[in-house]
Amino acid sequence: MKRDLRFHIAVLPGDGIGPEIVASSLHVLEVLNERMGGIGFDFWHLEGGAAHYQKTGTAFSDENMAACKKADAVLLGAIGLPHVRYSDGTEVTTQLDLRIEMDLYAGLRPIRSYPSLPRVLVDKRASQIDLVLVREQTEGILYSRCRGTIEDDRVAWETMMISRNGTNRVSEFAFRVAERRAKSRRRPGKVLCVDRANALTSMAFFRRIFGEVAERHPSVAADYAYVDATAMKLVKSPWEFDVLVTENAFGGILSDLAAGVVGSLGLAPSADIGEKHAVFQPAHGSAPHIAGQGLANPVAQILSVALMLDWLADQHGEPRLAHGARILEHAVEKALTVVCPVEFGGKDGTAAITKAIIAQIRKS
């Protein structure tokens, strides 16, 4: 007999187009929930981000942080506005605060192509792009956030930090992702360690620890590449990649590049995952220049909901949630055969894309 389950989801719409695409994703989840009988969601709507900081002087309150820790998962919209900055010149990045406070060490960035959309790359194999980039989220060069120093207005210093524990756990995460993908696709999995081990001691250390983890996963192929060569290959032949794992800043650059070769960050969901907590949000920014115009592509936000359902399924041993994620992914794929987002030269914005996805869910 199926048990009734109820999940508490902290929802932070954020800035710019964030509230629009979050509203779209919640509408889609509400319809999808009809297909997952006995499962319910309670949404805790929280305020935070750059606009909230501009209004109140606080980007995200301690009370809201506590609510996020208490929730079963956090659904986050886009955060940040280019003109709203702290006194040191950096932007409001509540998502980074959540990563550090909740120890969300693994950043999951799935990238795939949709053959029905216009291709960026002329090579027909670009329709086969299906990769996952995993980046370490608590260390690397971004460990230096809020720790950087400027000496006499002459020299600015930042510090890269790579630890054995941090590298070990993110590498283990990457191999688990590859093993799962290999099982579902019935093909060998492979993980690529992306670093700058030829020039940086910290990156050579990252590579060595990755190699130790690889030995514990003999069923998955392991390989190594420098970040600059990887960037080139992501443009030239991205369909050859499976799972990549790398340092924080390298991962941020490469994930945006990979999204570019499939056409848009508007197709790129993301998850920030720790041992106990997880945050789900689109990989793109807040795009304030189109906010309120109904032009935003909600696909990345909606696919982030699918990632959330998968994570909750794993956490609670509930296959209905994983089934819901597959329905949602399939609905997005089908919807993109009948609508074309504005950034691809189409005319379809938030409402039309959302409506098309909902229609496909109801058909499934």
Foldseek 3Di string as FASTA:
>chain_A
DDAAEEFEEEEEQADFQSVVLSVLLVVLVVLLVVLLPRYYYDYHYAYAAQVVCVVPVHRHDPVSLVVQLVGQAYQYEFHWDQVRPDPVNHITDVVLVSCQVVVLFKKKKWFAAQVLFDFPDPPPCNNLQTAIEIAGRCFAQCVQVVVWDDDPVPDIDTDGDADLVSLLVSLLVQLVVQVVVCVVVVHAGEEEEEFQLVPDPRRVVSVVSSVVNCVVPVSHHYYYDYLVVVLVCLQVPNSVHYYYYYYDVSRLVSSQSNNVRSPDLLQMKMKRHDPRYIYTYRSDHNPNVCGPVQQRRSNRSNLSCLVVLVVVCVVPVPVSSPVSSVLQVVLLSVLCNVFYHVSSVTDHGSVSSSVSSSVSSVVD
